[in-house]
Amino acid sequence: MRGTYTIVLACKGTIRVRFGKLGEARLAKGYYLYTGSALGRGAVSLEGRLARHRRRSKKIRWHVDYLTTRRKCTPTAAVYVISRRRLECIINRLICDKLQAEPILPRLGASDCTCNGHLVRAGTKVSQPDLLNQLKRVYSRFGPSSGTFMGAESRLPALLPIASRRRPERF
């Protein structure tokens, strides 16, 4: 499948992370969101990208990898929409507006566009169920082929894709 996705990362404690040439940031306990596109096949398909984000052991290639390889920062869910269009910038802007999310560092996760950043911290007073509901509302604007994956470490039950006949790999 091809589309755009947002992964939810739960950081269980304060960590310092050096994001390559962009610099170092202190990340407090809370939820962080990364929005990206997966418009290819195989490893760069929606399933391939989500599987990569779930793995801890990998070569650091993208800014989000600096978080997904950390023990204190766990991918717990992903929301996606099936589409051949590159929607990551507009979806990221809507997420930032709706959730009062702000980039961790300028341009983080957005080196191939002009956005402020696609790797953002969600507002401080949001629970994971509320966060997922708000993300699903944002994604529902882009068509019926949207869905949510929940991680095994989450206390919430696994959800199947919304209005999709396909069952992608569980997150």
Protein backbone atom coordinates (compact mmCIF):
# COMPACT_ATOMS: atom_id res chain seq x y z
CA MET A 1 0.00 0.00 0.00
CA ARG A 2 0.99 3.59 -0.51
CA GLY A 3 0.05 6.49 1.70
CA THR A 4 0.87 8.93 4.46
CA TYR A 5 1.21 8.01 8.12
CA THR A 6 1.86 9.41 11.57
CA ILE A 7 3.54 7.29 14.22
CA VAL A 8 3.00 7.97 17.90
CA LEU A 9 6.11 7.60 20.06
CA ALA A 10 5.74 7.41 23.83
CA CYS A 11 8.84 8.65 25.66
CA LYS A 12 8.85 7.23 29.16
CA GLY A 13 11.43 9.59 30.58
CA THR A 14 13.63 12.56 29.79
CA ILE A 15 16.32 11.88 27.22
CA ARG A 16 18.94 13.89 25.36
CA VAL A 17 19.18 13.15 21.66
CA ARG A 18 21.65 14.38 19.06
CA PHE A 19 19.85 14.54 15.71
CA GLY A 20 22.86 14.48 13.42
CA LYS A 21 23.77 17.90 12.00
CA LEU A 22 20.54 19.53 13.24
CA GLY A 23 21.76 19.48 16.83
CA GLU A 24 20.85 18.17 20.24
CA ALA A 25 17.51 18.34 22.03
CA ARG A 26 16.20 17.41 25.45
CA LEU A 27 12.99 15.44 25.16
CA ALA A 28 10.72 15.32 28.17
CA LYS A 29 8.37 12.46 29.01
CA GLY A 30 5.36 12.53 26.69
CA TYR A 31 4.14 11.82 23.18
CA TYR A 32 6.01 12.62 20.00
CA LEU A 33 4.64 12.34 16.49
CA TYR A 34 6.37 11.74 13.18
CA THR A 35 4.47 12.21 9.91
CA GLY A 36 5.85 10.76 6.70
CA SER A 37 4.90 9.48 3.27
CA ALA A 38 5.32 5.96 1.95
CA LEU A 39 4.73 6.12 -1.78
CA GLY A 40 6.81 3.24 -3.06
CA ARG A 41 6.87 -0.52 -2.95
CA GLY A 42 8.57 -2.98 -0.66
CA ALA A 43 10.65 -1.25 2.01
CA VAL A 44 9.27 2.17 1.04
CA SER A 45 5.62 1.07 1.06
CA LEU A 46 3.32 1.89 3.95
CA GLU A 47 3.80 -1.58 5.43
CA GLY A 48 7.58 -1.39 4.92
CA ARG A 49 7.94 2.00 6.58
CA LEU A 50 5.80 1.05 9.57
CA ALA A 51 7.74 -2.20 10.01
CA ARG A 52 11.02 -0.25 9.94
CA HIS A 53 9.81 2.22 12.57
CA ARG A 54 8.90 -0.70 14.85
CA ARG A 55 12.42 -2.19 14.75
CA ARG A 56 14.90 -0.96 17.36
CA SER A 57 17.95 -2.39 15.65
CA LYS A 58 18.62 -0.56 12.38
CA LYS A 59 21.02 1.80 10.73
CA ILE A 60 20.09 5.39 11.58
CA ARG A 61 18.98 6.87 8.29
CA TRP A 62 16.24 9.39 9.12
CA HIS A 63 15.73 11.79 12.01
CA VAL A 64 12.95 9.65 13.51
CA ASP A 65 15.41 6.74 13.77
CA TYR A 66 17.22 8.62 16.54
CA LEU A 67 14.08 8.10 18.65
CA THR A 68 12.86 4.68 17.49
CA THR A 69 16.20 3.12 18.43
CA ARG A 70 15.98 4.36 22.06
CA ARG A 71 14.60 2.13 24.81
CA LYS A 72 12.81 5.02 26.52
CA CYS A 73 11.01 6.00 23.31
CA THR A 74 8.58 3.39 22.00
CA PRO A 75 6.37 3.50 18.89
CA THR A 76 2.91 2.71 20.26
CA ALA A 77 0.54 3.49 17.39
CA ALA A 78 0.30 4.66 13.81
CA VAL A 79 -2.47 6.40 11.92
CA TYR A 80 -2.46 6.32 8.13
CA VAL A 81 -4.36 7.11 4.96
CA ILE A 82 -4.04 5.16 1.74
CA SER A 83 -3.21 7.58 -1.06
CA ARG A 84 -0.82 8.01 -3.95
CA ARG A 85 -0.57 11.76 -3.17
CA ARG A 86 2.13 13.22 -0.92
CA LEU A 87 0.03 14.52 1.99
CA GLU A 88 2.58 14.60 4.80
CA CYS A 89 3.04 18.39 4.86
CA ILE A 90 -0.65 19.30 4.98
CA ILE A 91 -1.43 16.54 7.49
CA ASN A 92 1.48 17.61 9.68
CA ARG A 93 0.25 21.23 9.66
CA LEU A 94 -3.25 20.11 10.68
CA ILE A 95 -1.82 17.95 13.46
CA CYS A 96 0.28 20.82 14.77
CA ASP A 97 -2.75 23.13 14.78
CA LYS A 98 -5.17 20.64 16.33
CA LEU A 99 -2.82 19.23 18.98
CA GLN A 100 -0.75 22.34 19.72
CA ALA A 101 2.23 20.26 18.60
CA GLU A 102 5.57 21.91 17.98
CA PRO A 103 8.71 20.70 16.21
CA ILE A 104 11.44 19.40 18.52
CA LEU A 105 14.03 21.25 16.40
CA PRO A 106 13.53 23.37 13.26
CA ARG A 107 13.36 21.21 10.09
CA LEU A 108 13.52 17.95 12.07
CA GLY A 109 12.03 15.15 9.98
CA ALA A 110 11.38 17.59 7.14
CA SER A 111 14.68 17.83 5.29
CA ASP A 112 12.99 17.28 1.90
CA CYS A 113 10.39 20.07 2.19
CA THR A 114 9.99 23.60 3.57
CA CYS A 115 7.97 22.70 6.70
CA ASN A 116 9.07 23.64 10.23
CA GLY A 117 9.38 19.96 11.11
CA HIS A 118 7.56 16.63 10.82
CA LEU A 119 8.89 15.26 14.12
CA VAL A 120 6.89 17.10 16.77
CA ARG A 121 5.93 16.96 20.44
CA ALA A 122 2.22 16.63 21.12
CA GLY A 123 0.62 19.02 23.61
CA THR A 124 1.55 18.17 27.19
CA LYS A 125 -1.95 17.51 28.51
CA VAL A 126 -3.19 14.80 26.17
CA SER A 127 -3.81 11.11 26.85
CA GLN A 128 -3.04 8.48 24.23
CA PRO A 129 -6.74 7.70 23.54
CA ASP A 130 -7.48 11.42 23.04
CA LEU A 131 -4.37 11.80 20.90
CA LEU A 132 -5.44 8.90 18.66
CA ASN A 133 -8.99 10.21 18.35
CA GLN A 134 -7.71 13.62 17.27
CA LEU A 135 -5.27 12.04 14.80
CA LYS A 136 -8.06 9.91 13.33
CA ARG A 137 -10.20 13.04 12.87
CA VAL A 138 -7.37 14.74 10.98
CA TYR A 139 -6.81 11.70 8.77
CA SER A 140 -10.54 11.18 8.09
CA ARG A 141 -10.50 14.43 6.06
CA PHE A 142 -8.37 12.69 3.43
CA GLY A 143 -10.62 9.79 2.56
CA PRO A 144 -12.27 6.68 3.87
CA SER A 145 -9.16 4.51 3.48
CA SER A 146 -7.62 5.53 6.77
CA GLY A 147 -6.83 3.41 9.79
CA THR A 148 -4.96 2.97 13.03
CA PHE A 149 -2.49 0.40 14.30
CA MET A 150 -1.81 -0.15 17.97
CA GLY A 151 1.38 -1.63 19.35
CA ALA A 152 1.51 -4.71 21.53
CA GLU A 153 2.91 -2.60 24.38
CA SER A 154 -0.18 -0.38 24.38
CA ARG A 155 -3.02 -1.04 26.81
CA LEU A 156 -5.55 -0.31 24.07
CA PRO A 157 -6.84 -3.12 21.84
CA ALA A 158 -5.48 -3.55 18.32
CA LEU A 159 -7.60 -1.76 15.73
CA LEU A 160 -8.07 -2.77 12.13
CA PRO A 161 -7.91 -0.23 9.32
CA ILE A 162 -11.01 1.95 9.11
CA ALA A 163 -12.97 1.41 5.88
CA SER A 164 -10.20 -0.62 4.28
CA ARG A 165 -10.60 -4.15 2.96
CA ARG A 166 -6.93 -4.88 3.56
CA ARG A 167 -5.43 -5.88 6.86
CA PRO A 168 -1.89 -4.47 7.01
CA GLU A 169 0.59 -5.80 9.52
CA ARG A 170 -0.22 -4.86 13.12
CA PHE A 171 1.90 -2.06 14.50
